[in-house]
Amino acid sequence: MANANTQIDPMHADEIGHGNSKAAWAAVGIMMVGFVAGGIAFAAHNHLVVYICSGVVLLGLVVGWIMKKAGYGVNGSKSGDSH
């Protein structure tokens, strides 16, 4: 039961999903590996590995986008969302 002081906000009535999908997990996982390895390489002054890890972070974005287009994003046809 709603409180008399509670107002329903129509802008936030829909569930937004919070990126909880296979595509989001894959993208964030790949980018996290690239970011952590790049940070370690940066601290070790290994410029080549820093640049390679920057590419890995960008690869994570591309993988997430491809997986979303393939149906593994939020509410995608292959996402298996049960909520």
PDB file of N, CA and C in Angstrom:
ATOM      1  N   MET A   1       0.841  -1.169   0.000  1.00  0.00           N
ATOM      2  CA  MET A   1       0.000   0.000   0.000  1.00  0.00           C
ATOM      3  C   MET A   1       0.886   1.233   0.000  1.00  0.00           C
ATOM      4  N   ALA A   2       0.572   2.189  -0.840  1.00  0.00           N
ATOM      5  CA  ALA A   2       1.393   3.385  -0.993  1.00  0.00           C
ATOM      6  C   ALA A   2       1.118   4.378   0.117  1.00  0.00           C
ATOM      7  N   ASN A   3       2.142   5.023   0.518  1.00  0.00           N
ATOM      8  CA  ASN A   3       2.090   6.082   1.514  1.00  0.00           C
ATOM      9  C   ASN A   3       1.492   7.328   0.856  1.00  0.00           C
ATOM     10  N   ALA A   4       0.815   8.165   1.641  1.00  0.00           N
ATOM     11  CA  ALA A   4       0.206   9.391   1.097  1.00  0.00           C
ATOM     12  C   ALA A   4       1.257  10.343   0.558  1.00  0.00           C
ATOM     13  N   ASN A   5       2.494  10.283   1.085  1.00  0.00           N
ATOM     14  CA  ASN A   5       3.565  11.156   0.624  1.00  0.00           C
ATOM     15  C   ASN A   5       4.309  10.598  -0.578  1.00  0.00           C
ATOM     16  N   THR A   6       4.037   9.356  -0.944  1.00  0.00           N
ATOM     17  CA  THR A   6       4.727   8.718  -2.051  1.00  0.00           C
ATOM     18  C   THR A   6       4.052   9.085  -3.364  1.00  0.00           C
ATOM     19  N   GLN A   7       4.864   9.535  -4.314  1.00  0.00           N
ATOM     20  CA  GLN A   7       4.350   9.851  -5.647  1.00  0.00           C
ATOM     21  C   GLN A   7       4.947   8.873  -6.640  1.00  0.00           C
ATOM     22  N   ILE A   8       4.161   8.487  -7.611  1.00  0.00           N
ATOM     23  CA  ILE A   8       4.638   7.589  -8.643  1.00  0.00           C
ATOM     24  C   ILE A   8       5.245   8.420  -9.764  1.00  0.00           C
ATOM     25  N   ASP A   9       6.484   8.135 -10.075  1.00  0.00           N
ATOM     26  CA  ASP A   9       7.197   8.853 -11.118  1.00  0.00           C
ATOM     27  C   ASP A   9       7.057   8.081 -12.431  1.00  0.00           C
ATOM     28  N   PRO A  10       6.343   8.619 -13.420  1.00  0.00           N
ATOM     29  CA  PRO A  10       6.150   7.884 -14.672  1.00  0.00           C
ATOM     30  C   PRO A  10       7.447   7.688 -15.458  1.00  0.00           C
ATOM     31  N   MET A  11       8.454   8.500 -15.203  1.00  0.00           N
ATOM     32  CA  MET A  11       9.722   8.360 -15.915  1.00  0.00           C
ATOM     33  C   MET A  11      10.506   7.140 -15.447  1.00  0.00           C
ATOM     34  N   HIS A  12      10.247   6.666 -14.238  1.00  0.00           N
ATOM     35  CA  HIS A  12      10.994   5.558 -13.686  1.00  0.00           C
ATOM     36  C   HIS A  12      10.103   4.347 -13.390  1.00  0.00           C
ATOM     37  N   ALA A  13       9.001   4.233 -14.077  1.00  0.00           N
ATOM     38  CA  ALA A  13       8.082   3.126 -13.843  1.00  0.00           C
ATOM     39  C   ALA A  13       8.549   1.843 -14.527  1.00  0.00           C
ATOM     40  N   ASP A  14       9.318   1.946 -15.613  1.00  0.00           N
ATOM     41  CA  ASP A  14       9.766   0.769 -16.355  1.00  0.00           C
ATOM     42  C   ASP A  14      11.060   0.224 -15.761  1.00  0.00           C
ATOM     43  N   GLU A  15      11.173  -1.083 -15.780  1.00  0.00           N
ATOM     44  CA  GLU A  15      12.407  -1.745 -15.355  1.00  0.00           C
ATOM     45  C   GLU A  15      13.473  -1.503 -16.421  1.00  0.00           C
ATOM     46  N   ILE A  16      14.630  -1.003 -16.014  1.00  0.00           N
ATOM     47  CA  ILE A  16      15.676  -0.685 -16.990  1.00  0.00           C
ATOM     48  C   ILE A  16      16.662  -1.817 -17.192  1.00  0.00           C
ATOM     49  N   GLY A  17      16.653  -2.825 -16.344  1.00  0.00           N
ATOM     50  CA  GLY A  17      17.488  -3.991 -16.562  1.00  0.00           C
ATOM     51  C   GLY A  17      18.874  -3.909 -15.949  1.00  0.00           C
ATOM     52  N   HIS A  18      19.419  -2.748 -15.771  1.00  0.00           N
ATOM     53  CA  HIS A  18      20.729  -2.545 -15.161  1.00  0.00           C
ATOM     54  C   HIS A  18      21.842  -3.296 -15.876  1.00  0.00           C
ATOM     55  N   GLY A  19      21.678  -3.602 -17.159  1.00  0.00           N
ATOM     56  CA  GLY A  19      22.734  -4.249 -17.917  1.00  0.00           C
ATOM     57  C   GLY A  19      23.011  -5.676 -17.502  1.00  0.00           C
ATOM     58  N   ASN A  20      22.070  -6.316 -16.840  1.00  0.00           N
ATOM     59  CA  ASN A  20      22.259  -7.678 -16.371  1.00  0.00           C
ATOM     60  C   ASN A  20      21.975  -8.651 -17.508  1.00  0.00           C
ATOM     61  N   SER A  21      22.968  -8.802 -18.384  1.00  0.00           N
ATOM     62  CA  SER A  21      22.823  -9.703 -19.524  1.00  0.00           C
ATOM     63  C   SER A  21      24.167 -10.342 -19.823  1.00  0.00           C
ATOM     64  N   LYS A  22      24.140 -11.376 -20.638  1.00  0.00           N
ATOM     65  CA  LYS A  22      25.379 -12.052 -21.029  1.00  0.00           C
ATOM     66  C   LYS A  22      26.289 -11.114 -21.806  1.00  0.00           C
ATOM     67  N   ALA A  23      25.707 -10.264 -22.638  1.00  0.00           N
ATOM     68  CA  ALA A  23      26.505  -9.311 -23.411  1.00  0.00           C
ATOM     69  C   ALA A  23      27.200  -8.313 -22.488  1.00  0.00           C
ATOM     70  N   ALA A  24      26.492  -7.813 -21.507  1.00  0.00           N
ATOM     71  CA  ALA A  24      27.080  -6.845 -20.572  1.00  0.00           C
ATOM     72  C   ALA A  24      28.171  -7.492 -19.730  1.00  0.00           C
ATOM     73  N   TRP A  25      27.929  -8.711 -19.245  1.00  0.00           N
ATOM     74  CA  TRP A  25      28.938  -9.390 -18.441  1.00  0.00           C
ATOM     75  C   TRP A  25      30.191  -9.663 -19.250  1.00  0.00           C
ATOM     76  N   ALA A  26      30.032 -10.094 -20.493  1.00  0.00           N
ATOM     77  CA  ALA A  26      31.197 -10.369 -21.336  1.00  0.00           C
ATOM     78  C   ALA A  26      31.981  -9.086 -21.609  1.00  0.00           C
ATOM     79  N   ALA A  27      31.271  -8.012 -21.948  1.00  0.00           N
ATOM     80  CA  ALA A  27      31.937  -6.743 -22.248  1.00  0.00           C
ATOM     81  C   ALA A  27      32.687  -6.223 -21.030  1.00  0.00           C
ATOM     82  N   VAL A  28      32.046  -6.219 -19.881  1.00  0.00           N
ATOM     83  CA  VAL A  28      32.681  -5.695 -18.668  1.00  0.00           C
ATOM     84  C   VAL A  28      33.840  -6.590 -18.237  1.00  0.00           C
ATOM     85  N   GLY A  29      33.688  -7.893 -18.378  1.00  0.00           N
ATOM     86  CA  GLY A  29      34.775  -8.810 -18.017  1.00  0.00           C
ATOM     87  C   GLY A  29      36.017  -8.591 -18.859  1.00  0.00           C
ATOM     88  N   ILE A  30      35.836  -8.488 -20.169  1.00  0.00           N
ATOM     89  CA  ILE A  30      36.966  -8.256 -21.070  1.00  0.00           C
ATOM     90  C   ILE A  30      37.610  -6.908 -20.782  1.00  0.00           C
ATOM     91  N   MET A  31      36.776  -5.879 -20.600  1.00  0.00           N
ATOM     92  CA  MET A  31      37.325  -4.547 -20.329  1.00  0.00           C
ATOM     93  C   MET A  31      38.042  -4.505 -18.978  1.00  0.00           C
ATOM     94  N   MET A  32      37.536  -5.229 -17.981  1.00  0.00           N
ATOM     95  CA  MET A  32      38.189  -5.243 -16.672  1.00  0.00           C
ATOM     96  C   MET A  32      39.564  -5.894 -16.758  1.00  0.00           C
ATOM     97  N   VAL A  33      39.675  -6.989 -17.491  1.00  0.00           N
ATOM     98  CA  VAL A  33      40.977  -7.639 -17.665  1.00  0.00           C
ATOM     99  C   VAL A  33      41.951  -6.680 -18.349  1.00  0.00           C
ATOM    100  N   GLY A  34      41.499  -6.014 -19.415  1.00  0.00           N
ATOM    101  CA  GLY A  34      42.359  -5.060 -20.110  1.00  0.00           C
ATOM    102  C   GLY A  34      42.766  -3.900 -19.227  1.00  0.00           C
ATOM    103  N   PHE A  35      41.832  -3.399 -18.427  1.00  0.00           N
ATOM    104  CA  PHE A  35      42.119  -2.263 -17.560  1.00  0.00           C
ATOM    105  C   PHE A  35      43.111  -2.634 -16.457  1.00  0.00           C
ATOM    106  N   VAL A  36      42.902  -3.781 -15.814  1.00  0.00           N
ATOM    107  CA  VAL A  36      43.791  -4.198 -14.731  1.00  0.00           C
ATOM    108  C   VAL A  36      45.194  -4.497 -15.273  1.00  0.00           C
ATOM    109  N   ALA A  37      45.262  -5.253 -16.358  1.00  0.00           N
ATOM    110  CA  ALA A  37      46.574  -5.555 -16.947  1.00  0.00           C
ATOM    111  C   ALA A  37      47.259  -4.283 -17.428  1.00  0.00           C
ATOM    112  N   GLY A  38      46.497  -3.362 -18.012  1.00  0.00           N
ATOM    113  CA  GLY A  38      47.065  -2.092 -18.452  1.00  0.00           C
ATOM    114  C   GLY A  38      47.561  -1.251 -17.291  1.00  0.00           C
ATOM    115  N   GLY A  39      46.854  -1.281 -16.176  1.00  0.00           N
ATOM    116  CA  GLY A  39      47.299  -0.551 -14.993  1.00  0.00           C
ATOM    117  C   GLY A  39      48.593  -1.100 -14.430  1.00  0.00           C
ATOM    118  N   ILE A  40      48.701  -2.423 -14.423  1.00  0.00           N
ATOM    119  CA  ILE A  40      49.940  -3.051 -13.957  1.00  0.00           C
ATOM    120  C   ILE A  40      51.088  -2.712 -14.908  1.00  0.00           C
ATOM    121  N   ALA A  41      50.824  -2.783 -16.204  1.00  0.00           N
ATOM    122  CA  ALA A  41      51.851  -2.446 -17.192  1.00  0.00           C
ATOM    123  C   ALA A  41      52.255  -0.977 -17.097  1.00  0.00           C
ATOM    124  N   PHE A  42      51.290  -0.122 -16.820  1.00  0.00           N
ATOM    125  CA  PHE A  42      51.596   1.305 -16.668  1.00  0.00           C
ATOM    126  C   PHE A  42      52.519   1.526 -15.474  1.00  0.00           C
ATOM    127  N   ALA A  43      52.236   0.845 -14.373  1.00  0.00           N
ATOM    128  CA  ALA A  43      53.082   0.975 -13.181  1.00  0.00           C
ATOM    129  C   ALA A  43      54.483   0.423 -13.424  1.00  0.00           C
ATOM    130  N   ALA A  44      54.576  -0.573 -14.314  1.00  0.00           N
ATOM    131  CA  ALA A  44      55.865  -1.177 -14.641  1.00  0.00           C
ATOM    132  C   ALA A  44      56.570  -0.447 -15.787  1.00  0.00           C
ATOM    133  N   HIS A  45      55.978   0.635 -16.284  1.00  0.00           N
ATOM    134  CA  HIS A  45      56.537   1.448 -17.383  1.00  0.00           C
ATOM    135  C   HIS A  45      56.719   0.636 -18.663  1.00  0.00           C
ATOM    136  N   ASN A  46      55.765  -0.259 -18.936  1.00  0.00           N
ATOM    137  CA  ASN A  46      55.807  -1.059 -20.155  1.00  0.00           C
ATOM    138  C   ASN A  46      54.774  -0.483 -21.124  1.00  0.00           C
ATOM    139  N   HIS A  47      55.209   0.451 -21.946  1.00  0.00           N
ATOM    140  CA  HIS A  47      54.300   1.201 -22.817  1.00  0.00           C
ATOM    141  C   HIS A  47      53.612   0.326 -23.859  1.00  0.00           C
ATOM    142  N   LEU A  48      54.325  -0.638 -24.414  1.00  0.00           N
ATOM    143  CA  LEU A  48      53.734  -1.496 -25.438  1.00  0.00           C
ATOM    144  C   LEU A  48      52.530  -2.261 -24.875  1.00  0.00           C
ATOM    145  N   VAL A  49      52.670  -2.818 -23.679  1.00  0.00           N
ATOM    146  CA  VAL A  49      51.572  -3.581 -23.076  1.00  0.00           C
ATOM    147  C   VAL A  49      50.412  -2.654 -22.712  1.00  0.00           C
ATOM    148  N   VAL A  50      50.710  -1.422 -22.317  1.00  0.00           N
ATOM    149  CA  VAL A  50      49.638  -0.459 -22.030  1.00  0.00           C
ATOM    150  C   VAL A  50      48.799  -0.224 -23.281  1.00  0.00           C
ATOM    151  N   TYR A  51      49.455  -0.039 -24.424  1.00  0.00           N
ATOM    152  CA  TYR A  51      48.725   0.181 -25.673  1.00  0.00           C
ATOM    153  C   TYR A  51      47.945  -1.065 -26.100  1.00  0.00           C
ATOM    154  N   ILE A  52      48.520  -2.227 -25.909  1.00  0.00           N
ATOM    155  CA  ILE A  52      47.815  -3.472 -26.236  1.00  0.00           C
ATOM    156  C   ILE A  52      46.578  -3.620 -25.344  1.00  0.00           C
ATOM    157  N   CYS A  53      46.725  -3.317 -24.065  1.00  0.00           N
ATOM    158  CA  CYS A  53      45.597  -3.424 -23.143  1.00  0.00           C
ATOM    159  C   CYS A  53      44.522  -2.386 -23.450  1.00  0.00           C
ATOM    160  N   SER A  54      44.911  -1.232 -23.965  1.00  0.00           N
ATOM    161  CA  SER A  54      43.917  -0.245 -24.410  1.00  0.00           C
ATOM    162  C   SER A  54      43.084  -0.830 -25.549  1.00  0.00           C
ATOM    163  N   GLY A  55      43.737  -1.575 -26.424  1.00  0.00           N
ATOM    164  CA  GLY A  55      43.019  -2.266 -27.498  1.00  0.00           C
ATOM    165  C   GLY A  55      42.084  -3.334 -26.963  1.00  0.00           C
ATOM    166  N   VAL A  56      42.492  -4.012 -25.894  1.00  0.00           N
ATOM    167  CA  VAL A  56      41.638  -5.038 -25.275  1.00  0.00           C
ATOM    168  C   VAL A  56      40.385  -4.396 -24.697  1.00  0.00           C
ATOM    169  N   VAL A  57      40.532  -3.221 -24.089  1.00  0.00           N
ATOM    170  CA  VAL A  57      39.364  -2.511 -23.556  1.00  0.00           C
ATOM    171  C   VAL A  57      38.403  -2.160 -24.680  1.00  0.00           C
ATOM    172  N   LEU A  58      38.920  -1.668 -25.791  1.00  0.00           N
ATOM    173  CA  LEU A  58      38.067  -1.358 -26.948  1.00  0.00           C
ATOM    174  C   LEU A  58      37.449  -2.631 -27.523  1.00  0.00           C
ATOM    175  N   LEU A  59      38.196  -3.723 -27.510  1.00  0.00           N
ATOM    176  CA  LEU A  59      37.659  -5.005 -27.971  1.00  0.00           C
ATOM    177  C   LEU A  59      36.464  -5.427 -27.115  1.00  0.00           C
ATOM    178  N   GLY A  60      36.523  -5.158 -25.819  1.00  0.00           N
ATOM    179  CA  GLY A  60      35.399  -5.470 -24.937  1.00  0.00           C
ATOM    180  C   GLY A  60      34.136  -4.728 -25.348  1.00  0.00           C
ATOM    181  N   LEU A  61      34.286  -3.464 -25.738  1.00  0.00           N
ATOM    182  CA  LEU A  61      33.133  -2.701 -26.226  1.00  0.00           C
ATOM    183  C   LEU A  61      32.542  -3.332 -27.483  1.00  0.00           C
ATOM    184  N   VAL A  62      33.418  -3.736 -28.393  1.00  0.00           N
ATOM    185  CA  VAL A  62      32.960  -4.337 -29.652  1.00  0.00           C
ATOM    186  C   VAL A  62      32.278  -5.675 -29.387  1.00  0.00           C
ATOM    187  N   VAL A  63      32.859  -6.488 -28.518  1.00  0.00           N
ATOM    188  CA  VAL A  63      32.257  -7.791 -28.190  1.00  0.00           C
ATOM    189  C   VAL A  63      30.871  -7.602 -27.570  1.00  0.00           C
ATOM    190  N   GLY A  64      30.740  -6.659 -26.658  1.00  0.00           N
ATOM    191  CA  GLY A  64      29.437  -6.390 -26.046  1.00  0.00           C
ATOM    192  C   GLY A  64      28.411  -5.954 -27.070  1.00  0.00           C
ATOM    193  N   TRP A  65      28.813  -5.083 -27.990  1.00  0.00           N
ATOM    194  CA  TRP A  65      27.898  -4.609 -29.028  1.00  0.00           C
ATOM    195  C   TRP A  65      27.475  -5.750 -29.954  1.00  0.00           C
ATOM    196  N   ILE A  66      28.440  -6.593 -30.354  1.00  0.00           N
ATOM    197  CA  ILE A  66      28.124  -7.729 -31.235  1.00  0.00           C
ATOM    198  C   ILE A  66      27.192  -8.708 -30.523  1.00  0.00           C
ATOM    199  N   MET A  67      27.467  -9.002 -29.254  1.00  0.00           N
ATOM    200  CA  MET A  67      26.605  -9.924 -28.521  1.00  0.00           C
ATOM    201  C   MET A  67      25.200  -9.357 -28.346  1.00  0.00           C
ATOM    202  N   LYS A  68      25.094  -8.049 -28.145  1.00  0.00           N
ATOM    203  CA  LYS A  68      23.768  -7.427 -28.036  1.00  0.00           C
ATOM    204  C   LYS A  68      23.012  -7.578 -29.343  1.00  0.00           C
ATOM    205  N   LYS A  69      23.679  -7.328 -30.461  1.00  0.00           N
ATOM    206  CA  LYS A  69      23.037  -7.470 -31.770  1.00  0.00           C
ATOM    207  C   LYS A  69      22.672  -8.929 -32.063  1.00  0.00           C
ATOM    208  N   ALA A  70      23.420  -9.876 -31.462  1.00  0.00           N
ATOM    209  CA  ALA A  70      23.144 -11.295 -31.666  1.00  0.00           C
ATOM    210  C   ALA A  70      22.015 -11.803 -30.774  1.00  0.00           C
ATOM    211  N   GLY A  71      21.501 -10.948 -29.886  1.00  0.00           N
ATOM    212  CA  GLY A  71      20.359 -11.339 -29.066  1.00  0.00           C
ATOM    213  C   GLY A  71      20.688 -11.656 -27.624  1.00  0.00           C
ATOM    214  N   TYR A  72      21.913 -11.401 -27.185  1.00  0.00           N
ATOM    215  CA  TYR A  72      22.300 -11.715 -25.817  1.00  0.00           C
ATOM    216  C   TYR A  72      22.228 -10.509 -24.889  1.00  0.00           C
ATOM    217  N   GLY A  73      21.682  -9.405 -25.334  1.00  0.00           N
ATOM    218  CA  GLY A  73      21.518  -8.217 -24.500  1.00  0.00           C
ATOM    219  C   GLY A  73      20.275  -8.329 -23.628  1.00  0.00           C
ATOM    220  N   VAL A  74      19.988  -7.266 -22.879  1.00  0.00           N
ATOM    221  CA  VAL A  74      18.804  -7.234 -22.022  1.00  0.00           C
ATOM    222  C   VAL A  74      17.560  -7.417 -22.883  1.00  0.00           C
ATOM    223  N   ASN A  75      16.705  -8.376 -22.502  1.00  0.00           N
ATOM    224  CA  ASN A  75      15.476  -8.727 -23.222  1.00  0.00           C
ATOM    225  C   ASN A  75      15.728  -9.205 -24.644  1.00  0.00           C
ATOM    226  N   GLY A  76      16.941  -9.679 -24.931  1.00  0.00           N
ATOM    227  CA  GLY A  76      17.253 -10.208 -26.253  1.00  0.00           C
ATOM    228  C   GLY A  76      16.627 -11.577 -26.457  1.00  0.00           C
ATOM    229  N   SER A  77      16.589 -12.008 -27.708  1.00  0.00           N
ATOM    230  CA  SER A  77      15.930 -13.274 -28.028  1.00  0.00           C
ATOM    231  C   SER A  77      16.673 -14.484 -27.450  1.00  0.00           C
ATOM    232  N   LYS A  78      17.985 -14.363 -27.214  1.00  0.00           N
ATOM    233  CA  LYS A  78      18.767 -15.477 -26.685  1.00  0.00           C
ATOM    234  C   LYS A  78      19.244 -15.223 -25.261  1.00  0.00           C
ATOM    235  N   SER A  79      18.730 -14.190 -24.632  1.00  0.00           N
ATOM    236  CA  SER A  79      19.243 -13.802 -23.317  1.00  0.00           C
ATOM    237  C   SER A  79      18.819 -14.733 -22.203  1.00  0.00           C
ATOM    238  N   GLY A  80      17.699 -15.417 -22.350  1.00  0.00           N
ATOM    239  CA  GLY A  80      17.220 -16.327 -21.306  1.00  0.00           C
ATOM    240  C   GLY A  80      16.742 -15.609 -20.069  1.00  0.00           C
ATOM    241  N   ASP A  81      16.280 -14.361 -20.218  1.00  0.00           N
ATOM    242  CA  ASP A  81      15.782 -13.605 -19.084  1.00  0.00           C
ATOM    243  C   ASP A  81      14.507 -14.235 -18.542  1.00  0.00           C
ATOM    244  N   SER A  82      14.535 -14.520 -17.255  1.00  0.00           N
ATOM    245  CA  SER A  82      13.340 -15.088 -16.642  1.00  0.00           C
ATOM    246  C   SER A  82      12.705 -14.126 -15.663  1.00  0.00           C
ATOM    247  N   HIS A  83      13.229 -12.900 -15.586  1.00  0.00           N
ATOM    248  CA  HIS A  83      12.665 -11.930 -14.642  1.00  0.00           C
ATOM    249  C   HIS A  83      12.107 -10.748 -15.344  1.00  0.00           C
TER     250      HIS A  83
END
